[in-house]
Amino acid sequence: MKLLLDENLSRRIVPLLQTTFPDSSHVALLGLERASDLEIWQYAKDNGFVIVSCDSDFHERSLIEGHPPHVVWLKIPNQSKTVVLNILLEHSTEIEQALNRENRACVEISALA
């Protein structure tokens, strides 16, 4: 499962995600920093990414359009890159189970790690 981090998350955590989430990236690393949510959605869909964001926009789109792409909605206040990284790593099994086994369009993570 490869993650596509939205612009509201630090691109510096991408290398640290590679062991658990190989081939993950960030919108800025892919030249999508000025792209609309629809363009990011389509890119993720076309390239097999799971969108990770702290904004509700992608969650709302998943309610209307379903999946793919899947969405991880981090319902957390602004946090350091270390906290965000730890949340994603500590919830990796939960994310995989919810999106793959339970076939959910979106998984919400609200508890701080």
PDB file of N, CA and C in Angstrom:
ATOM      1  N   MET A   1       0.841  -1.167   0.000  1.00  0.00           N
ATOM      2  CA  MET A   1       0.000   0.000   0.000  1.00  0.00           C
ATOM      3  C   MET A   1       0.893   1.239   0.000  1.00  0.00           C
ATOM      4  N   LYS A   2       0.699   2.100  -0.989  1.00  0.00           N
ATOM      5  CA  LYS A   2       1.511   3.311  -1.053  1.00  0.00           C
ATOM      6  C   LYS A   2       0.639   4.530  -0.778  1.00  0.00           C
ATOM      7  N   LEU A   3       1.192   5.417   0.032  1.00  0.00           N
ATOM      8  CA  LEU A   3       0.470   6.594   0.476  1.00  0.00           C
ATOM      9  C   LEU A   3       0.868   7.811  -0.347  1.00  0.00           C
ATOM     10  N   LEU A   4      -0.098   8.699  -0.547  1.00  0.00           N
ATOM     11  CA  LEU A   4       0.146   9.993  -1.168  1.00  0.00           C
ATOM     12  C   LEU A   4      -0.229  11.049  -0.139  1.00  0.00           C
ATOM     13  N   LEU A   5       0.781  11.702   0.422  1.00  0.00           N
ATOM     14  CA  LEU A   5       0.546  12.698   1.457  1.00  0.00           C
ATOM     15  C   LEU A   5       0.109  14.016   0.838  1.00  0.00           C
ATOM     16  N   ASP A   6      -0.952  14.575   1.393  1.00  0.00           N
ATOM     17  CA  ASP A   6      -1.476  15.849   0.944  1.00  0.00           C
ATOM     18  C   ASP A   6      -0.530  16.966   1.372  1.00  0.00           C
ATOM     19  N   GLU A   7      -0.724  18.140   0.799  1.00  0.00           N
ATOM     20  CA  GLU A   7       0.162  19.263   1.058  1.00  0.00           C
ATOM     21  C   GLU A   7       0.179  19.710   2.514  1.00  0.00           C
ATOM     22  N   ASN A   8      -0.835  19.355   3.295  1.00  0.00           N
ATOM     23  CA  ASN A   8      -0.874  19.763   4.699  1.00  0.00           C
ATOM     24  C   ASN A   8       0.010  18.891   5.597  1.00  0.00           C
ATOM     25  N   LEU A   9       0.684  17.941   5.021  1.00  0.00           N
ATOM     26  CA  LEU A   9       1.586  17.063   5.762  1.00  0.00           C
ATOM     27  C   LEU A   9       3.012  17.250   5.249  1.00  0.00           C
ATOM     28  N   SER A  10       3.972  17.020   6.103  1.00  0.00           N
ATOM     29  CA  SER A  10       5.372  17.230   5.738  1.00  0.00           C
ATOM     30  C   SER A  10       5.869  16.177   4.743  1.00  0.00           C
ATOM     31  N   ARG A  11       6.532  16.652   3.716  1.00  0.00           N
ATOM     32  CA  ARG A  11       7.127  15.728   2.743  1.00  0.00           C
ATOM     33  C   ARG A  11       8.357  15.036   3.315  1.00  0.00           C
ATOM     34  N   ARG A  12       8.878  15.563   4.414  1.00  0.00           N
ATOM     35  CA  ARG A  12      10.091  14.988   5.009  1.00  0.00           C
ATOM     36  C   ARG A  12       9.863  13.612   5.632  1.00  0.00           C
ATOM     37  N   ILE A  13       8.612  13.236   5.839  1.00  0.00           N
ATOM     38  CA  ILE A  13       8.378  11.911   6.423  1.00  0.00           C
ATOM     39  C   ILE A  13       8.315  10.806   5.365  1.00  0.00           C
ATOM     40  N   VAL A  14       8.249  11.190   4.088  1.00  0.00           N
ATOM     41  CA  VAL A  14       8.139  10.187   3.023  1.00  0.00           C
ATOM     42  C   VAL A  14       9.242   9.134   3.091  1.00  0.00           C
ATOM     43  N   PRO A  15      10.526   9.512   3.208  1.00  0.00           N
ATOM     44  CA  PRO A  15      11.562   8.468   3.280  1.00  0.00           C
ATOM     45  C   PRO A  15      11.395   7.540   4.480  1.00  0.00           C
ATOM     46  N   LEU A  16      10.837   8.047   5.555  1.00  0.00           N
ATOM     47  CA  LEU A  16      10.675   7.251   6.772  1.00  0.00           C
ATOM     48  C   LEU A  16       9.472   6.310   6.705  1.00  0.00           C
ATOM     49  N   LEU A  17       8.628   6.492   5.713  1.00  0.00           N
ATOM     50  CA  LEU A  17       7.459   5.627   5.516  1.00  0.00           C
ATOM     51  C   LEU A  17       7.751   4.425   4.620  1.00  0.00           C
ATOM     52  N   GLN A  18       8.877   4.458   3.915  1.00  0.00           N
ATOM     53  CA  GLN A  18       9.128   3.498   2.845  1.00  0.00           C
ATOM     54  C   GLN A  18       9.146   2.036   3.276  1.00  0.00           C
ATOM     55  N   THR A  19       9.599   1.749   4.467  1.00  0.00           N
ATOM     56  CA  THR A  19       9.633   0.351   4.913  1.00  0.00           C
ATOM     57  C   THR A  19       8.222  -0.203   5.090  1.00  0.00           C
ATOM     58  N   THR A  20       7.361   0.581   5.692  1.00  0.00           N
ATOM     59  CA  THR A  20       5.987   0.138   5.964  1.00  0.00           C
ATOM     60  C   THR A  20       5.066   0.383   4.783  1.00  0.00           C
ATOM     61  N   PHE A  21       5.256   1.503   4.100  1.00  0.00           N
ATOM     62  CA  PHE A  21       4.422   1.890   2.966  1.00  0.00           C
ATOM     63  C   PHE A  21       5.324   2.184   1.757  1.00  0.00           C
ATOM     64  N   PRO A  22       5.839   1.138   1.106  1.00  0.00           N
ATOM     65  CA  PRO A  22       6.768   1.332  -0.019  1.00  0.00           C
ATOM     66  C   PRO A  22       6.159   2.167  -1.143  1.00  0.00           C
ATOM     67  N   ASP A  23       7.000   2.965  -1.779  1.00  0.00           N
ATOM     68  CA  ASP A  23       6.624   3.794  -2.927  1.00  0.00           C
ATOM     69  C   ASP A  23       5.679   4.932  -2.584  1.00  0.00           C
ATOM     70  N   SER A  24       5.573   5.261  -1.298  1.00  0.00           N
ATOM     71  CA  SER A  24       4.759   6.407  -0.892  1.00  0.00           C
ATOM     72  C   SER A  24       5.416   7.689  -1.362  1.00  0.00           C
ATOM     73  N   SER A  25       4.597   8.751  -1.468  1.00  0.00           N
ATOM     74  CA  SER A  25       5.123  10.022  -1.939  1.00  0.00           C
ATOM     75  C   SER A  25       4.311  11.174  -1.342  1.00  0.00           C
ATOM     76  N   HIS A  26       4.611  12.354  -1.802  1.00  0.00           N
ATOM     77  CA  HIS A  26       3.966  13.583  -1.348  1.00  0.00           C
ATOM     78  C   HIS A  26       3.571  14.369  -2.593  1.00  0.00           C
ATOM     79  N   VAL A  27       2.457  15.094  -2.516  1.00  0.00           N
ATOM     80  CA  VAL A  27       1.995  15.820  -3.698  1.00  0.00           C
ATOM     81  C   VAL A  27       3.078  16.746  -4.262  1.00  0.00           C
ATOM     82  N   ALA A  28       3.842  17.414  -3.399  1.00  0.00           N
ATOM     83  CA  ALA A  28       4.886  18.330  -3.872  1.00  0.00           C
ATOM     84  C   ALA A  28       6.002  17.589  -4.599  1.00  0.00           C
ATOM     85  N   LEU A  29       6.317  16.380  -4.170  1.00  0.00           N
ATOM     86  CA  LEU A  29       7.367  15.596  -4.818  1.00  0.00           C
ATOM     87  C   LEU A  29       6.953  15.120  -6.205  1.00  0.00           C
ATOM     88  N   LEU A  30       5.654  15.128  -6.448  1.00  0.00           N
ATOM     89  CA  LEU A  30       5.126  14.682  -7.740  1.00  0.00           C
ATOM     90  C   LEU A  30       4.689  15.848  -8.626  1.00  0.00           C
ATOM     91  N   GLY A  31       5.005  17.069  -8.202  1.00  0.00           N
ATOM     92  CA  GLY A  31       4.629  18.241  -8.978  1.00  0.00           C
ATOM     93  C   GLY A  31       3.159  18.602  -8.880  1.00  0.00           C
ATOM     94  N   LEU A  32       2.495  18.156  -7.823  1.00  0.00           N
ATOM     95  CA  LEU A  32       1.061  18.398  -7.651  1.00  0.00           C
ATOM     96  C   LEU A  32       0.749  19.424  -6.569  1.00  0.00           C
ATOM     97  N   GLU A  33       1.755  20.227  -6.173  1.00  0.00           N
ATOM     98  CA  GLU A  33       1.529  21.153  -5.059  1.00  0.00           C
ATOM     99  C   GLU A  33       0.486  22.221  -5.376  1.00  0.00           C
ATOM    100  N   ARG A  34       0.255  22.531  -6.618  1.00  0.00           N
ATOM    101  CA  ARG A  34      -0.755  23.516  -6.992  1.00  0.00           C
ATOM    102  C   ARG A  34      -1.987  22.859  -7.615  1.00  0.00           C
ATOM    103  N   ALA A  35      -2.047  21.559  -7.565  1.00  0.00           N
ATOM    104  CA  ALA A  35      -3.155  20.822  -8.174  1.00  0.00           C
ATOM    105  C   ALA A  35      -4.413  20.939  -7.325  1.00  0.00           C
ATOM    106  N   SER A  36      -5.544  20.849  -7.982  1.00  0.00           N
ATOM    107  CA  SER A  36      -6.826  20.852  -7.281  1.00  0.00           C
ATOM    108  C   SER A  36      -7.029  19.504  -6.599  1.00  0.00           C
ATOM    109  N   ASP A  37      -7.967  19.469  -5.672  1.00  0.00           N
ATOM    110  CA  ASP A  37      -8.292  18.197  -5.017  1.00  0.00           C
ATOM    111  C   ASP A  37      -8.725  17.158  -6.042  1.00  0.00           C
ATOM    112  N   LEU A  38      -9.470  17.571  -7.045  1.00  0.00           N
ATOM    113  CA  LEU A  38      -9.904  16.635  -8.087  1.00  0.00           C
ATOM    114  C   LEU A  38      -8.716  16.068  -8.856  1.00  0.00           C
ATOM    115  N   GLU A  39      -7.733  16.908  -9.158  1.00  0.00           N
ATOM    116  CA  GLU A  39      -6.539  16.433  -9.875  1.00  0.00           C
ATOM    117  C   GLU A  39      -5.730  15.466  -9.012  1.00  0.00           C
ATOM    118  N   ILE A  40      -5.623  15.774  -7.723  1.00  0.00           N
ATOM    119  CA  ILE A  40      -4.915  14.868  -6.802  1.00  0.00           C
ATOM    120  C   ILE A  40      -5.668  13.553  -6.697  1.00  0.00           C
ATOM    121  N   TRP A  41      -6.987  13.621  -6.581  1.00  0.00           N
ATOM    122  CA  TRP A  41      -7.841  12.432  -6.513  1.00  0.00           C
ATOM    123  C   TRP A  41      -7.610  11.550  -7.738  1.00  0.00           C
ATOM    124  N   GLN A  42      -7.639  12.161  -8.923  1.00  0.00           N
ATOM    125  CA  GLN A  42      -7.466  11.400 -10.158  1.00  0.00           C
ATOM    126  C   GLN A  42      -6.067  10.802 -10.252  1.00  0.00           C
ATOM    127  N   TYR A  43      -5.052  11.562  -9.852  1.00  0.00           N
ATOM    128  CA  TYR A  43      -3.686  11.050  -9.866  1.00  0.00           C
ATOM    129  C   TYR A  43      -3.565   9.836  -8.952  1.00  0.00           C
ATOM    130  N   ALA A  44      -4.115   9.952  -7.754  1.00  0.00           N
ATOM    131  CA  ALA A  44      -4.065   8.831  -6.809  1.00  0.00           C
ATOM    132  C   ALA A  44      -4.800   7.619  -7.376  1.00  0.00           C
ATOM    133  N   LYS A  45      -5.941   7.849  -7.967  1.00  0.00           N
ATOM    134  CA  LYS A  45      -6.726   6.764  -8.561  1.00  0.00           C
ATOM    135  C   LYS A  45      -5.966   6.089  -9.699  1.00  0.00           C
ATOM    136  N   ASP A  46      -5.384   6.893 -10.582  1.00  0.00           N
ATOM    137  CA  ASP A  46      -4.665   6.353 -11.741  1.00  0.00           C
ATOM    138  C   ASP A  46      -3.372   5.634 -11.366  1.00  0.00           C
ATOM    139  N   ASN A  47      -2.795   5.987 -10.219  1.00  0.00           N
ATOM    140  CA  ASN A  47      -1.481   5.456  -9.859  1.00  0.00           C
ATOM    141  C   ASN A  47      -1.480   4.593  -8.595  1.00  0.00           C
ATOM    142  N   GLY A  48      -2.650   4.221  -8.109  1.00  0.00           N
ATOM    143  CA  GLY A  48      -2.741   3.271  -7.010  1.00  0.00           C
ATOM    144  C   GLY A  48      -2.318   3.790  -5.647  1.00  0.00           C
ATOM    145  N   PHE A  49      -2.498   5.080  -5.417  1.00  0.00           N
ATOM    146  CA  PHE A  49      -2.152   5.663  -4.122  1.00  0.00           C
ATOM    147  C   PHE A  49      -3.357   5.709  -3.189  1.00  0.00           C
ATOM    148  N   VAL A  50      -3.071   5.715  -1.901  1.00  0.00           N
ATOM    149  CA  VAL A  50      -4.038   6.014  -0.847  1.00  0.00           C
ATOM    150  C   VAL A  50      -3.736   7.438  -0.410  1.00  0.00           C
ATOM    151  N   ILE A  51      -4.725   8.322  -0.480  1.00  0.00           N
ATOM    152  CA  ILE A  51      -4.530   9.722  -0.101  1.00  0.00           C
ATOM    153  C   ILE A  51      -4.560   9.850   1.415  1.00  0.00           C
ATOM    154  N   VAL A  52      -3.582  10.573   1.972  1.00  0.00           N
ATOM    155  CA  VAL A  52      -3.537  10.860   3.408  1.00  0.00           C
ATOM    156  C   VAL A  52      -3.628  12.367   3.577  1.00  0.00           C
ATOM    157  N   SER A  53      -4.611  12.808   4.364  1.00  0.00           N
ATOM    158  CA  SER A  53      -4.826  14.241   4.537  1.00  0.00           C
ATOM    159  C   SER A  53      -5.395  14.534   5.921  1.00  0.00           C
ATOM    160  N   CYS A  54      -5.177  15.761   6.364  1.00  0.00           N
ATOM    161  CA  CYS A  54      -5.795  16.241   7.612  1.00  0.00           C
ATOM    162  C   CYS A  54      -7.062  17.032   7.321  1.00  0.00           C
ATOM    163  N   ASP A  55      -7.357  17.256   6.051  1.00  0.00           N
ATOM    164  CA  ASP A  55      -8.557  17.984   5.658  1.00  0.00           C
ATOM    165  C   ASP A  55      -9.696  17.016   5.374  1.00  0.00           C
ATOM    166  N   SER A  56     -10.903  17.488   5.554  1.00  0.00           N
ATOM    167  CA  SER A  56     -12.077  16.642   5.323  1.00  0.00           C
ATOM    168  C   SER A  56     -12.442  16.515   3.841  1.00  0.00           C
ATOM    169  N   ASP A  57     -11.819  17.302   2.978  1.00  0.00           N
ATOM    170  CA  ASP A  57     -12.206  17.336   1.563  1.00  0.00           C
ATOM    171  C   ASP A  57     -12.179  15.964   0.889  1.00  0.00           C
ATOM    172  N   PHE A  58     -11.113  15.212   1.096  1.00  0.00           N
ATOM    173  CA  PHE A  58     -11.009  13.906   0.447  1.00  0.00           C
ATOM    174  C   PHE A  58     -11.959  12.893   1.079  1.00  0.00           C
ATOM    175  N   HIS A  59     -12.181  13.011   2.374  1.00  0.00           N
ATOM    176  CA  HIS A  59     -13.172  12.156   3.039  1.00  0.00           C
ATOM    177  C   HIS A  59     -14.541  12.390   2.412  1.00  0.00           C
ATOM    178  N   GLU A  60     -14.912  13.650   2.254  1.00  0.00           N
ATOM    179  CA  GLU A  60     -16.206  13.986   1.668  1.00  0.00           C
ATOM    180  C   GLU A  60     -16.311  13.470   0.241  1.00  0.00           C
ATOM    181  N   ARG A  61     -15.241  13.605  -0.525  1.00  0.00           N
ATOM    182  CA  ARG A  61     -15.254  13.096  -1.900  1.00  0.00           C
ATOM    183  C   ARG A  61     -15.416  11.577  -1.907  1.00  0.00           C
ATOM    184  N   SER A  62     -14.800  10.888  -0.946  1.00  0.00           N
ATOM    185  CA  SER A  62     -14.919   9.424  -0.895  1.00  0.00           C
ATOM    186  C   SER A  62     -16.354   8.999  -0.585  1.00  0.00           C
ATOM    187  N   LEU A  63     -17.084   9.815   0.168  1.00  0.00           N
ATOM    188  CA  LEU A  63     -18.489   9.509   0.452  1.00  0.00           C
ATOM    189  C   LEU A  63     -19.334   9.595  -0.814  1.00  0.00           C
ATOM    190  N   ILE A  64     -18.976  10.511  -1.693  1.00  0.00           N
ATOM    191  CA  ILE A  64     -19.739  10.712  -2.930  1.00  0.00           C
ATOM    192  C   ILE A  64     -19.303   9.751  -4.025  1.00  0.00           C
ATOM    193  N   GLU A  65     -17.988   9.596  -4.198  1.00  0.00           N
ATOM    194  CA  GLU A  65     -17.462   8.837  -5.331  1.00  0.00           C
ATOM    195  C   GLU A  65     -17.012   7.425  -4.995  1.00  0.00           C
ATOM    196  N   GLY A  66     -16.950   7.094  -3.712  1.00  0.00           N
ATOM    197  CA  GLY A  66     -16.455   5.769  -3.335  1.00  0.00           C
ATOM    198  C   GLY A  66     -14.955   5.670  -3.530  1.00  0.00           C
ATOM    199  N   HIS A  67     -14.508   4.502  -3.908  1.00  0.00           N
ATOM    200  CA  HIS A  67     -13.076   4.280  -4.098  1.00  0.00           C
ATOM    201  C   HIS A  67     -12.852   3.350  -5.261  1.00  0.00           C
ATOM    202  N   PRO A  68     -11.699   3.316  -5.861  1.00  0.00           N
ATOM    203  CA  PRO A  68     -10.471   3.993  -5.501  1.00  0.00           C
ATOM    204  C   PRO A  68     -10.523   5.475  -5.844  1.00  0.00           C
ATOM    205  N   PRO A  69      -9.607   6.251  -5.312  1.00  0.00           N
ATOM    206  CA  PRO A  69      -8.596   5.875  -4.329  1.00  0.00           C
ATOM    207  C   PRO A  69      -9.189   5.824  -2.930  1.00  0.00           C
ATOM    208  N   HIS A  70      -8.499   5.128  -2.071  1.00  0.00           N
ATOM    209  CA  HIS A  70      -8.850   5.114  -0.664  1.00  0.00           C
ATOM    210  C   HIS A  70      -8.297   6.374  -0.010  1.00  0.00           C
ATOM    211  N   VAL A  71      -8.822   6.681   1.178  1.00  0.00           N
ATOM    212  CA  VAL A  71      -8.416   7.883   1.893  1.00  0.00           C
ATOM    213  C   VAL A  71      -8.127   7.547   3.349  1.00  0.00           C
ATOM    214  N   VAL A  72      -7.063   8.120   3.888  1.00  0.00           N
ATOM    215  CA  VAL A  72      -6.802   8.105   5.327  1.00  0.00           C
ATOM    216  C   VAL A  72      -6.955   9.554   5.774  1.00  0.00           C
ATOM    217  N   TRP A  73      -7.938   9.757   6.633  1.00  0.00           N
ATOM    218  CA  TRP A  73      -8.221  11.098   7.133  1.00  0.00           C
ATOM    219  C   TRP A  73      -7.675  11.200   8.548  1.00  0.00           C
ATOM    220  N   LEU A  74      -6.645  11.989   8.719  1.00  0.00           N
ATOM    221  CA  LEU A  74      -6.052  12.207  10.041  1.00  0.00           C
ATOM    222  C   LEU A  74      -6.792  13.359  10.709  1.00  0.00           C
ATOM    223  N   LYS A  75      -7.689  13.011  11.594  1.00  0.00           N
ATOM    224  CA  LYS A  75      -8.494  14.015  12.292  1.00  0.00           C
ATOM    225  C   LYS A  75      -7.751  14.456  13.545  1.00  0.00           C
ATOM    226  N   ILE A  76      -6.666  15.153  13.306  1.00  0.00           N
ATOM    227  CA  ILE A  76      -5.790  15.586  14.390  1.00  0.00           C
ATOM    228  C   ILE A  76      -5.463  17.061  14.207  1.00  0.00           C
ATOM    229  N   PRO A  77      -5.155  17.762  15.297  1.00  0.00           N
ATOM    230  CA  PRO A  77      -4.699  19.151  15.148  1.00  0.00           C
ATOM    231  C   PRO A  77      -3.309  19.164  14.517  1.00  0.00           C
ATOM    232  N   ASN A  78      -2.847  20.332  14.133  1.00  0.00           N
ATOM    233  CA  ASN A  78      -1.495  20.430  13.571  1.00  0.00           C
ATOM    234  C   ASN A  78      -0.491  19.791  14.520  1.00  0.00           C
ATOM    235  N   GLN A  79       0.315  18.906  13.965  1.00  0.00           N
ATOM    236  CA  GLN A  79       1.290  18.169  14.748  1.00  0.00           C
ATOM    237  C   GLN A  79       2.634  18.181  14.038  1.00  0.00           C
ATOM    238  N   SER A  80       3.673  17.874  14.780  1.00  0.00           N
ATOM    239  CA  SER A  80       5.005  17.783  14.193  1.00  0.00           C
ATOM    240  C   SER A  80       5.055  16.599  13.224  1.00  0.00           C
ATOM    241  N   LYS A  81       6.050  16.636  12.363  1.00  0.00           N
ATOM    242  CA  LYS A  81       6.209  15.529  11.411  1.00  0.00           C
ATOM    243  C   LYS A  81       6.458  14.210  12.132  1.00  0.00           C
ATOM    244  N   THR A  82       7.125  14.259  13.276  1.00  0.00           N
ATOM    245  CA  THR A  82       7.389  13.041  14.045  1.00  0.00           C
ATOM    246  C   THR A  82       6.094  12.432  14.571  1.00  0.00           C
ATOM    247  N   VAL A  83       5.212  13.262  15.065  1.00  0.00           N
ATOM    248  CA  VAL A  83       3.926  12.769  15.574  1.00  0.00           C
ATOM    249  C   VAL A  83       3.106  12.168  14.438  1.00  0.00           C
ATOM    250  N   VAL A  84       3.049  12.844  13.300  1.00  0.00           N
ATOM    251  CA  VAL A  84       2.298  12.328  12.151  1.00  0.00           C
ATOM    252  C   VAL A  84       2.894  11.005  11.679  1.00  0.00           C
ATOM    253  N   LEU A  85       4.208  10.941  11.573  1.00  0.00           N
ATOM    254  CA  LEU A  85       4.868   9.704  11.176  1.00  0.00           C
ATOM    255  C   LEU A  85       4.511   8.572  12.134  1.00  0.00           C
ATOM    256  N   ASN A  86       4.610   8.825  13.431  1.00  0.00           N
ATOM    257  CA  ASN A  86       4.300   7.794  14.416  1.00  0.00           C
ATOM    258  C   ASN A  86       2.850   7.342  14.337  1.00  0.00           C
ATOM    259  N   ILE A  87       1.943   8.270  14.096  1.00  0.00           N
ATOM    260  CA  ILE A  87       0.531   7.907  13.963  1.00  0.00           C
ATOM    261  C   ILE A  87       0.349   6.963  12.777  1.00  0.00           C
ATOM    262  N   LEU A  88       0.928   7.305  11.639  1.00  0.00           N
ATOM    263  CA  LEU A  88       0.782   6.447  10.456  1.00  0.00           C
ATOM    264  C   LEU A  88       1.409   5.072  10.671  1.00  0.00           C
ATOM    265  N   LEU A  89       2.584   5.036  11.267  1.00  0.00           N
ATOM    266  CA  LEU A  89       3.249   3.750  11.490  1.00  0.00           C
ATOM    267  C   LEU A  89       2.527   2.905  12.529  1.00  0.00           C
ATOM    268  N   GLU A  90       2.097   3.525  13.610  1.00  0.00           N
ATOM    269  CA  GLU A  90       1.416   2.781  14.667  1.00  0.00           C
ATOM    270  C   GLU A  90       0.027   2.306  14.251  1.00  0.00           C
ATOM    271  N   HIS A  91      -0.564   2.946  13.273  1.00  0.00           N
ATOM    272  CA  HIS A  91      -1.894   2.548  12.800  1.00  0.00           C
ATOM    273  C   HIS A  91      -1.841   1.821  11.457  1.00  0.00           C
ATOM    274  N   SER A  92      -0.661   1.397  11.034  1.00  0.00           N
ATOM    275  CA  SER A  92      -0.522   0.785   9.709  1.00  0.00           C
ATOM    276  C   SER A  92      -1.390  -0.463   9.544  1.00  0.00           C
ATOM    277  N   THR A  93      -1.456  -1.296  10.551  1.00  0.00           N
ATOM    278  CA  THR A  93      -2.291  -2.500  10.468  1.00  0.00           C
ATOM    279  C   THR A  93      -3.764  -2.132  10.387  1.00  0.00           C
ATOM    280  N   GLU A  94      -4.170  -1.177  11.200  1.00  0.00           N
ATOM    281  CA  GLU A  94      -5.558  -0.706  11.183  1.00  0.00           C
ATOM    282  C   GLU A  94      -5.924  -0.119   9.813  1.00  0.00           C
ATOM    283  N   ILE A  95      -5.013   0.660   9.247  1.00  0.00           N
ATOM    284  CA  ILE A  95      -5.247   1.258   7.931  1.00  0.00           C
ATOM    285  C   ILE A  95      -5.402   0.175   6.875  1.00  0.00           C
ATOM    286  N   GLU A  96      -4.462  -0.772   6.867  1.00  0.00           N
ATOM    287  CA  GLU A  96      -4.518  -1.850   5.879  1.00  0.00           C
ATOM    288  C   GLU A  96      -5.783  -2.685   6.030  1.00  0.00           C
ATOM    289  N   GLN A  97      -6.129  -3.021   7.241  1.00  0.00           N
ATOM    290  CA  GLN A  97      -7.323  -3.832   7.482  1.00  0.00           C
ATOM    291  C   GLN A  97      -8.588  -3.105   7.044  1.00  0.00           C
ATOM    292  N   ALA A  98      -8.710  -1.849   7.403  1.00  0.00           N
ATOM    293  CA  ALA A  98      -9.916  -1.092   7.064  1.00  0.00           C
ATOM    294  C   ALA A  98     -10.069  -0.915   5.557  1.00  0.00           C
ATOM    295  N   LEU A  99      -8.980  -0.612   4.880  1.00  0.00           N
ATOM    296  CA  LEU A  99      -9.071  -0.328   3.455  1.00  0.00           C
ATOM    297  C   LEU A  99      -9.091  -1.574   2.594  1.00  0.00           C
ATOM    298  N   ASN A 100      -8.339  -2.578   2.962  1.00  0.00           N
ATOM    299  CA  ASN A 100      -8.266  -3.785   2.139  1.00  0.00           C
ATOM    300  C   ASN A 100      -9.269  -4.852   2.535  1.00  0.00           C
ATOM    301  N   ARG A 101      -9.241  -5.248   3.776  1.00  0.00           N
ATOM    302  CA  ARG A 101     -10.097  -6.359   4.204  1.00  0.00           C
ATOM    303  C   ARG A 101     -11.550  -5.947   4.387  1.00  0.00           C
ATOM    304  N   GLU A 102     -11.770  -4.760   4.939  1.00  0.00           N
ATOM    305  CA  GLU A 102     -13.142  -4.294   5.166  1.00  0.00           C
ATOM    306  C   GLU A 102     -13.680  -3.511   3.979  1.00  0.00           C
ATOM    307  N   ASN A 103     -12.794  -3.232   3.005  1.00  0.00           N
ATOM    308  CA  ASN A 103     -13.171  -2.553   1.770  1.00  0.00           C
ATOM    309  C   ASN A 103     -13.836  -1.197   2.015  1.00  0.00           C
ATOM    310  N   ARG A 104     -13.346  -0.479   3.003  1.00  0.00           N
ATOM    311  CA  ARG A 104     -13.865   0.858   3.279  1.00  0.00           C
ATOM    312  C   ARG A 104     -13.180   1.871   2.376  1.00  0.00           C
ATOM    313  N   ALA A 105     -13.893   2.927   2.022  1.00  0.00           N
ATOM    314  CA  ALA A 105     -13.334   3.975   1.173  1.00  0.00           C
ATOM    315  C   ALA A 105     -12.400   4.881   1.962  1.00  0.00           C
ATOM    316  N   CYS A 106     -12.684   5.047   3.258  1.00  0.00           N
ATOM    317  CA  CYS A 106     -11.914   5.980   4.078  1.00  0.00           C
ATOM    318  C   CYS A 106     -11.746   5.414   5.479  1.00  0.00           C
ATOM    319  N   VAL A 107     -10.579   5.633   6.035  1.00  0.00           N
ATOM    320  CA  VAL A 107     -10.352   5.299   7.436  1.00  0.00           C
ATOM    321  C   VAL A 107     -10.010   6.598   8.149  1.00  0.00           C
ATOM    322  N   GLU A 108     -10.674   6.830   9.273  1.00  0.00           N
ATOM    323  CA  GLU A 108     -10.444   8.031  10.061  1.00  0.00           C
ATOM    324  C   GLU A 108      -9.613   7.685  11.264  1.00  0.00           C
ATOM    325  N   ILE A 109      -8.565   8.474  11.486  1.00  0.00           N
ATOM    326  CA  ILE A 109      -7.719   8.286  12.658  1.00  0.00           C
ATOM    327  C   ILE A 109      -7.761   9.592  13.444  1.00  0.00           C
ATOM    328  N   SER A 110      -8.307   9.504  14.654  1.00  0.00           N
ATOM    329  CA  SER A 110      -8.459  10.713  15.436  1.00  0.00           C
ATOM    330  C   SER A 110      -7.649  10.719  16.715  1.00  0.00           C
ATOM    331  N   ALA A 111      -7.215   9.563  17.160  1.00  0.00           N
ATOM    332  CA  ALA A 111      -6.460   9.499  18.407  1.00  0.00           C
ATOM    333  C   ALA A 111      -4.993   9.796  18.138  1.00  0.00           C
ATOM    334  N   LEU A 112      -4.401  10.565  19.005  1.00  0.00           N
ATOM    335  CA  LEU A 112      -2.961  10.810  18.881  1.00  0.00           C
ATOM    336  C   LEU A 112      -2.207   9.594  19.337  1.00  0.00           C
ATOM    337  N   ALA A 113      -1.137   9.322  18.630  1.00  0.00           N
ATOM    338  CA  ALA A 113      -0.316   8.149  18.979  1.00  0.00           C
ATOM    339  C   ALA A 113       0.542   8.452  20.183  1.00  0.00           C
TER     340      ALA A 113
END
